Amino acid sequence: MTIKLLIADIDGTLVTRDKAVTERTREAVARLRASGILFTVTSGRPPRGMAGLVAALKLTDPVAAFNGGVYVKSDLTTVLEQKTLPPAIARQAVDFMLQAGLDVWVYQGADWFLRGPEAFRVARERRNVGFDPVVIADLHGVLDAPIKIVGVSEDTERVARCEAELSRRLGTEASAARSTPYYVDVTHPEANKGMVVREAARLLGLPLEQIAAIGDMANDLPMLTTAGLGLAMGNASAEVQRLARHVTRTNEEDGFAYAVDAFILGQPPFARTKLGLPPRTRACLFGLDGVLAQTSSLHARAWKQLCDYYLRRRARASGQPFIPFDLVRDTSHYFDGKPPLEGLRAFLDARGIALPESTVHALNDRKAELLVELLRQEQVETYEGTVRYVQAARAAGLRTAVVSASRHCAELLQSAGISDLFDARLGATPPPEVYPEVYLEAARALGVESEEAVVFEDTPAGVAAARAAHFAYVIGVDRLGRPAELRRHGADLVVTDPAALLAQDGTPH
């Protein structure tokens, strides 16, 4: 879906380490406006602390300060809405952070209150926000309606521990999240960046799918996971990057501008490209089973041969009745869309059979042998639409690879007569936790980055793996009538066949 609004964090995202707004960032914001895409910012900063950036980027839409604790017009003085902490909760948070050895800052009204003007990070914060703090001996005197309370320490592990403990103690009464490794922010429970996204959607009448968000810290996660498109900076933590849809470059490498061009302005509508892909695409990676080839019946028959042979022997040895493998029900329930070993374990468990892992692997190996025997007897049928799409992709100069969970990928391609359509072939039986690495290996084999490649997959596990590896675009191929499940696992688009991206004359629908 086309993005209509981009919401950006400020520190670590829009500005460099020196708090500068680069020329490329200014130009990227201008390109968003020229393309009709709205742009605004949200930050843990107070409204007055955003003045320089609002001016530099010529922002005209409302902005969310204090992580959504205050919504103000772009003049930064007209308050549209604010969410304050109850005094009792504020006192509890302040007392805990002081006892834990953190310095404490309180933001209330338009002012910034603290006890020690020479304490860690005060001078830096003064430069960032552009105004001086009010020094006060007792912070309890300014807790009538605080918008944000900040715990500060150069001991980053202490800050992390305090974040966890504050979250436990305050529960649903307040939100506690680190805005940098040195700060933990306490705000109203609805003053978080996820609510900023929802409030923007409500005010502008936009579905969440049409909103993108970009950030770098843990307190950005609520907006990255709420927005339809979450983008992480290259300087973000591994956890933030893992949960984002795409990862851009660092804030020292104009990562914001790169993200705008690559992931916002460079996304479909499909009319931009002949193949219905993002313009930056250099390669396509295709799943084999269910995307390119109709191998499900062959796999099902191989499983039936294996399981019936084993179950018959077991029944004879135990004197129990032989219940054969049901070609339709057992295949669908235990094996479709799952890695072979996972499906076999599930089937055995359903039959009440516990086997050593070595025996399970031996059975799986025997099934692979049975599949090869079937391949010698029959030709694998292909999905004509996918083959036509692969041919069109290659004609357009894109590199192509095929990825399969089967160790007999080469034999399957040979049987189907499509081996010559691929520059790289990866066949393996990896555990689910390394699926993303398999796709990344395929991209490396083609000499491209993940952000330059598109993945076509038909299983939820395959879609999730491609998304976890931050591929530019993930297309779910729905052969089984489960589009919602593929979308839920991360598909950017779901089609019944890749040929749906092409019209009869080779141009997009």
Foldseek 3Di string as FASTA:
>chain_A
DAAQEEEEEQPFFQADPVSDHDPLSLVLLVVCVVVNHHYEYEYLAQLLLCLVVCVSNVHQQWYAYNQNQWIAGSVSPHTPDGFFAALVLVVVLVVVLVVLPWFKWFADDPAIEGADCVDPCNVVSCVRSVHHHDHDNDPSVRRRTTAKMKTFDPPLVSLVVSQVVSCVVCPQRWHWFDRDSGIIMIGGSCSANLNVLVVVCVVVVHDLLNYEYEDAGPSCQSNQQNHNFREYEQNHDPVSCLRGQAYFYTSVVVRNSRCSVQANVQADPQLVDLLRGRPLAQAEEEEPDPFWWPCLLLLLVLVQVLQQVVQVVVCVVVVHDRDGDDSPPLCVPQPPQDQPLRSLVVVCVVVVHDDPPVVSVVSSVSSLVSSVVVLVVAAIETDVLSLVSLVLCVVVNHAYEYEYLAPCQVSNCVSHVNVVSHQYYYYHNDDLVCLLVSVQVRCVSVVHQQLNYEYEEAHLSNLLSSSSNSHNAYEHQHCPPPVVSNVVSPHPYYDVHSSQQADPVSGGD
